[in-house]
Structures are given as C-alpha cells and as structure tokens.
Amino acid sequence: MSINVPPEVAWIVPVAVPFVIGLLVGLIVKRTVKLAFAIIALIIILAVTGFVSFTFQDIFDSAMKFLPKIIDLGGGLQNVLPYSSITFIIGLALGLWKG
C-alpha cells in the first residue's frame, strides 16, 4: 500500500520532524538538569547537617563507575539525533527555554 503525499505538503515532514525531536530533547534535558540540581542540593544539605558523610574517595569512585556509562550513552545519541539540522537546534532552544 502506497501513500501519495502531495508535493505541496511533502516538504513539511523533513522540517517538522527534527523540530519536534528538538523540542522533546530540550524538554527532557531541562527537566533532567533541574532534577540533578535538586538531588545535589539535597545531598549537600544532608551532608552539612550530618545525616550522611562522604569522603572524596567515595565521590570519585562513584563518578568513575557512572561516568563511562553516561559517555557511552551520549556517543550513541550522537548518531541518532539530527543535531546538524537548524530546525532541530531551534526546537532544542525552544524546549530548553520554554520547557
């Protein structure tokens, strides 16, 4: 089954899809950063008040455990996201700003 899209409308798809992906990525990034800051603030408050204690070595060991996984995930997303498209960049900026 073939769908015939009129040429007057066909140009919208390659423009709109990266824009929508950019909006969603911007929204996800903004909310993730907000959540990360809230968790960091909570950990700092708990450490200052003495409910938990950390050493620099504990923090370093945890970072070395999770950072390689995060970097690998980011490398995989580099091949999937249309980051060179201007409509993706515009959507990303709007998602970060208004999201």
PDB file of N, CA and C in Angstrom:
ATOM      1  N   MET A   1       0.853  -1.171   0.000  1.00  0.00           N
ATOM      2  CA  MET A   1       0.000   0.000   0.000  1.00  0.00           C
ATOM      3  C   MET A   1       0.894   1.228   0.000  1.00  0.00           C
ATOM      4  N   SER A   2       0.649   2.093  -0.922  1.00  0.00           N
ATOM      5  CA  SER A   2       1.466   3.293  -1.081  1.00  0.00           C
ATOM      6  C   SER A   2       0.630   4.528  -0.752  1.00  0.00           C
ATOM      7  N   ILE A   3       1.265   5.443  -0.020  1.00  0.00           N
ATOM      8  CA  ILE A   3       0.589   6.696   0.318  1.00  0.00           C
ATOM      9  C   ILE A   3       1.198   7.787  -0.549  1.00  0.00           C
ATOM     10  N   ASN A   4       0.364   8.458  -1.279  1.00  0.00           N
ATOM     11  CA  ASN A   4       0.826   9.553  -2.111  1.00  0.00           C
ATOM     12  C   ASN A   4       0.637  10.870  -1.373  1.00  0.00           C
ATOM     13  N   VAL A   5       1.754  11.511  -1.075  1.00  0.00           N
ATOM     14  CA  VAL A   5       1.715  12.794  -0.387  1.00  0.00           C
ATOM     15  C   VAL A   5       1.912  13.881  -1.437  1.00  0.00           C
ATOM     16  N   PRO A   6       1.031  14.875  -1.442  1.00  0.00           N
ATOM     17  CA  PRO A   6       1.191  15.938  -2.427  1.00  0.00           C
ATOM     18  C   PRO A   6       2.508  16.698  -2.215  1.00  0.00           C
ATOM     19  N   PRO A   7       3.163  17.118  -3.289  1.00  0.00           N
ATOM     20  CA  PRO A   7       4.448  17.816  -3.149  1.00  0.00           C
ATOM     21  C   PRO A   7       4.342  19.136  -2.379  1.00  0.00           C
ATOM     22  N   GLU A   8       3.152  19.729  -2.334  1.00  0.00           N
ATOM     23  CA  GLU A   8       2.983  20.974  -1.599  1.00  0.00           C
ATOM     24  C   GLU A   8       3.122  20.757  -0.096  1.00  0.00           C
ATOM     25  N   VAL A   9       2.858  19.554   0.372  1.00  0.00           N
ATOM     26  CA  VAL A   9       2.892  19.241   1.784  1.00  0.00           C
ATOM     27  C   VAL A   9       4.124  18.405   2.145  1.00  0.00           C
ATOM     28  N   ALA A  10       4.738  17.762   1.199  1.00  0.00           N
ATOM     29  CA  ALA A  10       5.824  16.816   1.457  1.00  0.00           C
ATOM     30  C   ALA A  10       7.052  17.481   2.075  1.00  0.00           C
ATOM     31  N   TRP A  11       7.290  18.753   1.840  1.00  0.00           N
ATOM     32  CA  TRP A  11       8.470  19.429   2.381  1.00  0.00           C
ATOM     33  C   TRP A  11       8.355  19.667   3.880  1.00  0.00           C
ATOM     34  N   ILE A  12       7.142  19.575   4.429  1.00  0.00           N
ATOM     35  CA  ILE A  12       6.935  19.852   5.844  1.00  0.00           C
ATOM     36  C   ILE A  12       7.541  18.753   6.729  1.00  0.00           C
ATOM     37  N   VAL A  13       7.479  17.512   6.292  1.00  0.00           N
ATOM     38  CA  VAL A  13       7.946  16.397   7.124  1.00  0.00           C
ATOM     39  C   VAL A  13       9.427  16.518   7.469  1.00  0.00           C
ATOM     40  N   PRO A  14      10.343  16.725   6.509  1.00  0.00           N
ATOM     41  CA  PRO A  14      11.754  16.829   6.905  1.00  0.00           C
ATOM     42  C   PRO A  14      12.078  18.079   7.720  1.00  0.00           C
ATOM     43  N   VAL A  15      11.183  19.044   7.732  1.00  0.00           N
ATOM     44  CA  VAL A  15      11.392  20.246   8.540  1.00  0.00           C
ATOM     45  C   VAL A  15      10.771  20.069   9.923  1.00  0.00           C
ATOM     46  N   ALA A  16       9.589  19.480   9.985  1.00  0.00           N
ATOM     47  CA  ALA A  16       8.855  19.386  11.245  1.00  0.00           C
ATOM     48  C   ALA A  16       9.390  18.297  12.171  1.00  0.00           C
ATOM     49  N   VAL A  17       9.822  17.184  11.635  1.00  0.00           N
ATOM     50  CA  VAL A  17      10.269  16.075  12.484  1.00  0.00           C
ATOM     51  C   VAL A  17      11.493  16.459  13.318  1.00  0.00           C
ATOM     52  N   PRO A  18      12.571  17.035  12.742  1.00  0.00           N
ATOM     53  CA  PRO A  18      13.693  17.448  13.594  1.00  0.00           C
ATOM     54  C   PRO A  18      13.310  18.522  14.611  1.00  0.00           C
ATOM     55  N   PHE A  19      12.381  19.406  14.237  1.00  0.00           N
ATOM     56  CA  PHE A  19      11.925  20.442  15.164  1.00  0.00           C
ATOM     57  C   PHE A  19      11.244  19.819  16.379  1.00  0.00           C
ATOM     58  N   VAL A  20      10.358  18.867  16.150  1.00  0.00           N
ATOM     59  CA  VAL A  20       9.651  18.208  17.248  1.00  0.00           C
ATOM     60  C   VAL A  20      10.627  17.395  18.097  1.00  0.00           C
ATOM     61  N   ILE A  21      11.575  16.712  17.459  1.00  0.00           N
ATOM     62  CA  ILE A  21      12.587  15.966  18.206  1.00  0.00           C
ATOM     63  C   ILE A  21      13.402  16.931  19.067  1.00  0.00           C
ATOM     64  N   GLY A  22      13.764  18.084  18.526  1.00  0.00           N
ATOM     65  CA  GLY A  22      14.498  19.094  19.281  1.00  0.00           C
ATOM     66  C   GLY A  22      13.715  19.601  20.479  1.00  0.00           C
ATOM     67  N   LEU A  23      12.423  19.833  20.287  1.00  0.00           N
ATOM     68  CA  LEU A  23      11.573  20.262  21.405  1.00  0.00           C
ATOM     69  C   LEU A  23      11.565  19.221  22.516  1.00  0.00           C
ATOM     70  N   LEU A  24      11.396  17.977  22.144  1.00  0.00           N
ATOM     71  CA  LEU A  24      11.351  16.911  23.146  1.00  0.00           C
ATOM     72  C   LEU A  24      12.691  16.734  23.850  1.00  0.00           C
ATOM     73  N   VAL A  25      13.781  16.784  23.100  1.00  0.00           N
ATOM     74  CA  VAL A  25      15.105  16.648  23.720  1.00  0.00           C
ATOM     75  C   VAL A  25      15.366  17.828  24.659  1.00  0.00           C
ATOM     76  N   GLY A  26      15.016  19.032  24.241  1.00  0.00           N
ATOM     77  CA  GLY A  26      15.187  20.200  25.100  1.00  0.00           C
ATOM     78  C   GLY A  26      14.390  20.089  26.381  1.00  0.00           C
ATOM     79  N   LEU A  27      13.165  19.619  26.279  1.00  0.00           N
ATOM     80  CA  LEU A  27      12.323  19.436  27.457  1.00  0.00           C
ATOM     81  C   LEU A  27      12.925  18.389  28.400  1.00  0.00           C
ATOM     82  N   ILE A  28      13.381  17.280  27.841  1.00  0.00           N
ATOM     83  CA  ILE A  28      13.968  16.217  28.660  1.00  0.00           C
ATOM     84  C   ILE A  28      15.243  16.704  29.336  1.00  0.00           C
ATOM     85  N   VAL A  29      16.099  17.409  28.594  1.00  0.00           N
ATOM     86  CA  VAL A  29      17.364  17.897  29.158  1.00  0.00           C
ATOM     87  C   VAL A  29      17.094  18.898  30.274  1.00  0.00           C
ATOM     88  N   LYS A  30      16.166  19.816  30.057  1.00  0.00           N
ATOM     89  CA  LYS A  30      15.880  20.827  31.065  1.00  0.00           C
ATOM     90  C   LYS A  30      15.359  20.195  32.354  1.00  0.00           C
ATOM     91  N   ARG A  31      14.450  19.260  32.224  1.00  0.00           N
ATOM     92  CA  ARG A  31      13.901  18.616  33.424  1.00  0.00           C
ATOM     93  C   ARG A  31      14.939  17.733  34.106  1.00  0.00           C
ATOM     94  N   THR A  32      15.804  17.105  33.327  1.00  0.00           N
ATOM     95  CA  THR A  32      16.863  16.277  33.910  1.00  0.00           C
ATOM     96  C   THR A  32      17.855  17.129  34.692  1.00  0.00           C
ATOM     97  N   VAL A  33      18.212  18.280  34.144  1.00  0.00           N
ATOM     98  CA  VAL A  33      19.141  19.172  34.836  1.00  0.00           C
ATOM     99  C   VAL A  33      18.507  19.704  36.118  1.00  0.00           C
ATOM    100  N   LYS A  34      17.232  20.067  36.077  1.00  0.00           N
ATOM    101  CA  LYS A  34      16.537  20.519  37.285  1.00  0.00           C
ATOM    102  C   LYS A  34      16.530  19.435  38.352  1.00  0.00           C
ATOM    103  N   LEU A  35      16.240  18.212  37.950  1.00  0.00           N
ATOM    104  CA  LEU A  35      16.217  17.102  38.898  1.00  0.00           C
ATOM    105  C   LEU A  35      17.613  16.850  39.465  1.00  0.00           C
ATOM    106  N   ALA A  36      18.639  16.916  38.624  1.00  0.00           N
ATOM    107  CA  ALA A  36      20.007  16.700  39.094  1.00  0.00           C
ATOM    108  C   ALA A  36      20.400  17.766  40.109  1.00  0.00           C
ATOM    109  N   PHE A  37      20.067  19.031  39.848  1.00  0.00           N
ATOM    110  CA  PHE A  37      20.372  20.098  40.805  1.00  0.00           C
ATOM    111  C   PHE A  37      19.628  19.892  42.126  1.00  0.00           C
ATOM    112  N   ALA A  38      18.383  19.443  42.060  1.00  0.00           N
ATOM    113  CA  ALA A  38      17.626  19.198  43.287  1.00  0.00           C
ATOM    114  C   ALA A  38      18.252  18.054  44.091  1.00  0.00           C
ATOM    115  N   ILE A  39      18.684  17.005  43.420  1.00  0.00           N
ATOM    116  CA  ILE A  39      19.321  15.882  44.119  1.00  0.00           C
ATOM    117  C   ILE A  39      20.641  16.316  44.720  1.00  0.00           C
ATOM    118  N   ILE A  40      21.423  17.088  43.978  1.00  0.00           N
ATOM    119  CA  ILE A  40      22.706  17.581  44.500  1.00  0.00           C
ATOM    120  C   ILE A  40      22.480  18.479  45.713  1.00  0.00           C
ATOM    121  N   ALA A  41      21.478  19.352  45.648  1.00  0.00           N
ATOM    122  CA  ALA A  41      21.174  20.225  46.788  1.00  0.00           C
ATOM    123  C   ALA A  41      20.757  19.401  48.002  1.00  0.00           C
ATOM    124  N   LEU A  42      19.952  18.375  47.787  1.00  0.00           N
ATOM    125  CA  LEU A  42      19.532  17.505  48.888  1.00  0.00           C
ATOM    126  C   LEU A  42      20.734  16.800  49.512  1.00  0.00           C
ATOM    127  N   ILE A  43      21.631  16.286  48.675  1.00  0.00           N
ATOM    128  CA  ILE A  43      22.821  15.596  49.196  1.00  0.00           C
ATOM    129  C   ILE A  43      23.707  16.567  49.978  1.00  0.00           C
ATOM    130  N   ILE A  44      23.851  17.787  49.477  1.00  0.00           N
ATOM    131  CA  ILE A  44      24.670  18.786  50.187  1.00  0.00           C
ATOM    132  C   ILE A  44      24.051  19.118  51.543  1.00  0.00           C
ATOM    133  N   ILE A  45      22.736  19.304  51.572  1.00  0.00           N
ATOM    134  CA  ILE A  45      22.061  19.613  52.841  1.00  0.00           C
ATOM    135  C   ILE A  45      22.200  18.450  53.817  1.00  0.00           C
ATOM    136  N   LEU A  46      22.047  17.229  53.339  1.00  0.00           N
ATOM    137  CA  LEU A  46      22.193  16.064  54.209  1.00  0.00           C
ATOM    138  C   LEU A  46      23.628  15.927  54.709  1.00  0.00           C
ATOM    139  N   ALA A  47      24.596  16.249  53.883  1.00  0.00           N
ATOM    140  CA  ALA A  47      25.997  16.158  54.302  1.00  0.00           C
ATOM    141  C   ALA A  47      26.346  17.251  55.309  1.00  0.00           C
ATOM    142  N   VAL A  48      25.837  18.459  55.089  1.00  0.00           N
ATOM    143  CA  VAL A  48      26.130  19.567  56.004  1.00  0.00           C
ATOM    144  C   VAL A  48      25.503  19.328  57.369  1.00  0.00           C
ATOM    145  N   THR A  49      24.292  18.789  57.381  1.00  0.00           N
ATOM    146  CA  THR A  49      23.622  18.561  58.659  1.00  0.00           C
ATOM    147  C   THR A  49      24.116  17.298  59.354  1.00  0.00           C
ATOM    148  N   GLY A  50      24.895  16.484  58.686  1.00  0.00           N
ATOM    149  CA  GLY A  50      25.491  15.324  59.313  1.00  0.00           C
ATOM    150  C   GLY A  50      24.703  14.040  59.191  1.00  0.00           C
ATOM    151  N   PHE A  51      23.655  14.027  58.395  1.00  0.00           N
ATOM    152  CA  PHE A  51      22.880  12.796  58.220  1.00  0.00           C
ATOM    153  C   PHE A  51      23.630  11.767  57.389  1.00  0.00           C
ATOM    154  N   VAL A  52      24.457  12.226  56.461  1.00  0.00           N
ATOM    155  CA  VAL A  52      25.295  11.335  55.660  1.00  0.00           C
ATOM    156  C   VAL A  52      26.708  11.896  55.643  1.00  0.00           C
ATOM    157  N   SER A  53      27.664  11.040  55.429  1.00  0.00           N
ATOM    158  CA  SER A  53      29.042  11.516  55.321  1.00  0.00           C
ATOM    159  C   SER A  53      29.680  10.905  54.081  1.00  0.00           C
ATOM    160  N   PHE A  54      30.411  11.725  53.372  1.00  0.00           N
ATOM    161  CA  PHE A  54      31.096  11.304  52.161  1.00  0.00           C
ATOM    162  C   PHE A  54      32.560  11.671  52.282  1.00  0.00           C
ATOM    163  N   THR A  55      33.386  10.861  51.674  1.00  0.00           N
ATOM    164  CA  THR A  55      34.782  11.228  51.517  1.00  0.00           C
ATOM    165  C   THR A  55      35.002  11.515  50.041  1.00  0.00           C
ATOM    166  N   PHE A  56      36.089  12.193  49.753  1.00  0.00           N
ATOM    167  CA  PHE A  56      36.398  12.481  48.358  1.00  0.00           C
ATOM    168  C   PHE A  56      36.572  11.186  47.577  1.00  0.00           C
ATOM    169  N   GLN A  57      37.131  10.182  48.210  1.00  0.00           N
ATOM    170  CA  GLN A  57      37.349   8.898  47.535  1.00  0.00           C
ATOM    171  C   GLN A  57      36.021   8.223  47.188  1.00  0.00           C
ATOM    172  N   ASP A  58      35.012   8.338  48.067  1.00  0.00           N
ATOM    173  CA  ASP A  58      33.686   7.783  47.773  1.00  0.00           C
ATOM    174  C   ASP A  58      33.070   8.441  46.547  1.00  0.00           C
ATOM    175  N   ILE A  59      33.160   9.757  46.504  1.00  0.00           N
ATOM    176  CA  ILE A  59      32.602  10.506  45.371  1.00  0.00           C
ATOM    177  C   ILE A  59      33.351  10.161  44.095  1.00  0.00           C
ATOM    178  N   PHE A  60      34.682  10.069  44.171  1.00  0.00           N
ATOM    179  CA  PHE A  60      35.492   9.742  42.998  1.00  0.00           C
ATOM    180  C   PHE A  60      35.171   8.342  42.490  1.00  0.00           C
ATOM    181  N   ASP A  61      35.045   7.383  43.381  1.00  0.00           N
ATOM    182  CA  ASP A  61      34.725   6.013  42.977  1.00  0.00           C
ATOM    183  C   ASP A  61      33.352   5.927  42.310  1.00  0.00           C
ATOM    184  N   SER A  62      32.383   6.642  42.859  1.00  0.00           N
ATOM    185  CA  SER A  62      31.046   6.651  42.251  1.00  0.00           C
ATOM    186  C   SER A  62      31.073   7.301  40.879  1.00  0.00           C
ATOM    187  N   ALA A  63      31.814   8.391  40.753  1.00  0.00           N
ATOM    188  CA  ALA A  63      31.904   9.067  39.462  1.00  0.00           C
ATOM    189  C   ALA A  63      32.558   8.165  38.421  1.00  0.00           C
ATOM    190  N   MET A  64      33.606   7.461  38.796  1.00  0.00           N
ATOM    191  CA  MET A  64      34.286   6.579  37.851  1.00  0.00           C
ATOM    192  C   MET A  64      33.434   5.371  37.477  1.00  0.00           C
ATOM    193  N   LYS A  65      32.457   5.059  38.300  1.00  0.00           N
ATOM    194  CA  LYS A  65      31.556   3.951  37.995  1.00  0.00           C
ATOM    195  C   LYS A  65      30.483   4.367  36.993  1.00  0.00           C
ATOM    196  N   PHE A  66      29.955   5.598  37.127  1.00  0.00           N
ATOM    197  CA  PHE A  66      28.825   6.020  36.302  1.00  0.00           C
ATOM    198  C   PHE A  66      29.203   6.844  35.079  1.00  0.00           C
ATOM    199  N   LEU A  67      30.264   7.622  35.130  1.00  0.00           N
ATOM    200  CA  LEU A  67      30.605   8.494  34.007  1.00  0.00           C
ATOM    201  C   LEU A  67      30.890   7.747  32.712  1.00  0.00           C
ATOM    202  N   PRO A  68      31.616   6.632  32.698  1.00  0.00           N
ATOM    203  CA  PRO A  68      31.811   5.936  31.416  1.00  0.00           C
ATOM    204  C   PRO A  68      30.497   5.475  30.781  1.00  0.00           C
ATOM    205  N   LYS A  69      29.535   5.065  31.597  1.00  0.00           N
ATOM    206  CA  LYS A  69      28.237   4.655  31.057  1.00  0.00           C
ATOM    207  C   LYS A  69      27.512   5.841  30.429  1.00  0.00           C
ATOM    208  N   ILE A  70      27.587   6.996  31.084  1.00  0.00           N
ATOM    209  CA  ILE A  70      26.930   8.200  30.565  1.00  0.00           C
ATOM    210  C   ILE A  70      27.587   8.651  29.270  1.00  0.00           C
ATOM    211  N   ILE A  71      28.895   8.576  29.206  1.00  0.00           N
ATOM    212  CA  ILE A  71      29.618   8.975  27.995  1.00  0.00           C
ATOM    213  C   ILE A  71      29.278   8.038  26.837  1.00  0.00           C
ATOM    214  N   ASP A  72      29.187   6.738  27.097  1.00  0.00           N
ATOM    215  CA  ASP A  72      28.800   5.792  26.049  1.00  0.00           C
ATOM    216  C   ASP A  72      27.389   6.069  25.546  1.00  0.00           C
ATOM    217  N   LEU A  73      26.483   6.396  26.443  1.00  0.00           N
ATOM    218  CA  LEU A  73      25.117   6.726  26.045  1.00  0.00           C
ATOM    219  C   LEU A  73      25.097   7.974  25.170  1.00  0.00           C
ATOM    220  N   GLY A  74      25.873   8.986  25.552  1.00  0.00           N
ATOM    221  CA  GLY A  74      25.940  10.212  24.753  1.00  0.00           C
ATOM    222  C   GLY A  74      26.525   9.972  23.380  1.00  0.00           C
ATOM    223  N   GLY A  75      27.507   9.096  23.283  1.00  0.00           N
ATOM    224  CA  GLY A  75      28.090   8.759  21.980  1.00  0.00           C
ATOM    225  C   GLY A  75      27.080   8.080  21.079  1.00  0.00           C
ATOM    226  N   GLY A  76      26.220   7.247  21.669  1.00  0.00           N
ATOM    227  CA  GLY A  76      25.183   6.595  20.873  1.00  0.00           C
ATOM    228  C   GLY A  76      24.131   7.571  20.386  1.00  0.00           C
ATOM    229  N   LEU A  77      23.805   8.548  21.207  1.00  0.00           N
ATOM    230  CA  LEU A  77      22.810   9.552  20.804  1.00  0.00           C
ATOM    231  C   LEU A  77      23.339  10.469  19.712  1.00  0.00           C
ATOM    232  N   GLN A  78      24.649  10.607  19.648  1.00  0.00           N
ATOM    233  CA  GLN A  78      25.257  11.461  18.631  1.00  0.00           C
ATOM    234  C   GLN A  78      24.922  10.953  17.235  1.00  0.00           C
ATOM    235  N   ASN A  79      24.789   9.659  17.068  1.00  0.00           N
ATOM    236  CA  ASN A  79      24.486   9.094  15.759  1.00  0.00           C
ATOM    237  C   ASN A  79      22.996   9.066  15.460  1.00  0.00           C
ATOM    238  N   VAL A  80      22.163   9.312  16.454  1.00  0.00           N
ATOM    239  CA  VAL A  80      20.720   9.211  16.269  1.00  0.00           C
ATOM    240  C   VAL A  80      20.074  10.580  16.083  1.00  0.00           C
ATOM    241  N   LEU A  81      20.506  11.570  16.858  1.00  0.00           N
ATOM    242  CA  LEU A  81      19.858  12.879  16.830  1.00  0.00           C
ATOM    243  C   LEU A  81      20.307  13.706  15.621  1.00  0.00           C
ATOM    244  N   PRO A  82      19.370  14.424  15.005  1.00  0.00           N
ATOM    245  CA  PRO A  82      19.724  15.266  13.848  1.00  0.00           C
ATOM    246  C   PRO A  82      20.262  16.630  14.291  1.00  0.00           C
ATOM    247  N   TYR A  83      21.366  16.641  15.048  1.00  0.00           N
ATOM    248  CA  TYR A  83      21.875  17.861  15.661  1.00  0.00           C
ATOM    249  C   TYR A  83      22.418  18.870  14.652  1.00  0.00           C
ATOM    250  N   SER A  84      22.618  18.486  13.409  1.00  0.00           N
ATOM    251  CA  SER A  84      23.115  19.438  12.419  1.00  0.00           C
ATOM    252  C   SER A  84      21.982  20.180  11.710  1.00  0.00           C
ATOM    253  N   SER A  85      20.751  19.792  11.979  1.00  0.00           N
ATOM    254  CA  SER A  85      19.602  20.443  11.353  1.00  0.00           C
ATOM    255  C   SER A  85      19.259  21.718  12.115  1.00  0.00           C
ATOM    256  N   ILE A  86      19.066  22.800  11.397  1.00  0.00           N
ATOM    257  CA  ILE A  86      18.748  24.083  12.030  1.00  0.00           C
ATOM    258  C   ILE A  86      17.392  24.012  12.729  1.00  0.00           C
ATOM    259  N   THR A  87      16.451  23.228  12.179  1.00  0.00           N
ATOM    260  CA  THR A  87      15.156  23.122  12.849  1.00  0.00           C
ATOM    261  C   THR A  87      15.281  22.342  14.158  1.00  0.00           C
ATOM    262  N   PHE A  88      16.196  21.371  14.231  1.00  0.00           N
ATOM    263  CA  PHE A  88      16.440  20.667  15.492  1.00  0.00           C
ATOM    264  C   PHE A  88      17.010  21.638  16.516  1.00  0.00           C
ATOM    265  N   ILE A  89      17.947  22.462  16.112  1.00  0.00           N
ATOM    266  CA  ILE A  89      18.572  23.429  17.026  1.00  0.00           C
ATOM    267  C   ILE A  89      17.549  24.438  17.532  1.00  0.00           C
ATOM    268  N   ILE A  90      16.678  24.899  16.651  1.00  0.00           N
ATOM    269  CA  ILE A  90      15.625  25.828  17.050  1.00  0.00           C
ATOM    270  C   ILE A  90      14.669  25.143  18.034  1.00  0.00           C
ATOM    271  N   GLY A  91      14.269  23.904  17.722  1.00  0.00           N
ATOM    272  CA  GLY A  91      13.401  23.159  18.626  1.00  0.00           C
ATOM    273  C   GLY A  91      14.063  22.894  19.969  1.00  0.00           C
ATOM    274  N   LEU A  92      15.362  22.576  19.943  1.00  0.00           N
ATOM    275  CA  LEU A  92      16.114  22.354  21.184  1.00  0.00           C
ATOM    276  C   LEU A  92      16.158  23.625  22.025  1.00  0.00           C
ATOM    277  N   ALA A  93      16.435  24.747  21.390  1.00  0.00           N
ATOM    278  CA  ALA A  93      16.491  26.019  22.112  1.00  0.00           C
ATOM    279  C   ALA A  93      15.123  26.357  22.722  1.00  0.00           C
ATOM    280  N   LEU A  94      14.070  26.171  21.964  1.00  0.00           N
ATOM    281  CA  LEU A  94      12.722  26.435  22.497  1.00  0.00           C
ATOM    282  C   LEU A  94      12.365  25.473  23.627  1.00  0.00           C
ATOM    283  N   GLY A  95      12.760  24.208  23.474  1.00  0.00           N
ATOM    284  CA  GLY A  95      12.483  23.235  24.524  1.00  0.00           C
ATOM    285  C   GLY A  95      13.227  23.557  25.806  1.00  0.00           C
ATOM    286  N   LEU A  96      14.476  24.006  25.676  1.00  0.00           N
ATOM    287  CA  LEU A  96      15.261  24.392  26.867  1.00  0.00           C
ATOM    288  C   LEU A  96      14.713  25.675  27.499  1.00  0.00           C
ATOM    289  N   TRP A  97      14.275  26.597  26.660  1.00  0.00           N
ATOM    290  CA  TRP A  97      13.805  27.893  27.160  1.00  0.00           C
ATOM    291  C   TRP A  97      12.417  27.788  27.770  1.00  0.00           C
ATOM    292  N   LYS A  98      11.474  27.219  27.045  1.00  0.00           N
ATOM    293  CA  LYS A  98      10.075  27.196  27.479  1.00  0.00           C
ATOM    294  C   LYS A  98       9.687  25.908  28.196  1.00  0.00           C
ATOM    295  N   GLY A  99      10.503  24.863  28.061  1.00  0.00           N
ATOM    296  CA  GLY A  99      10.162  23.543  28.605  1.00  0.00           C
ATOM    297  C   GLY A  99      10.070  23.571  30.046  1.00  0.00           C
TER     298      GLY A  99
END
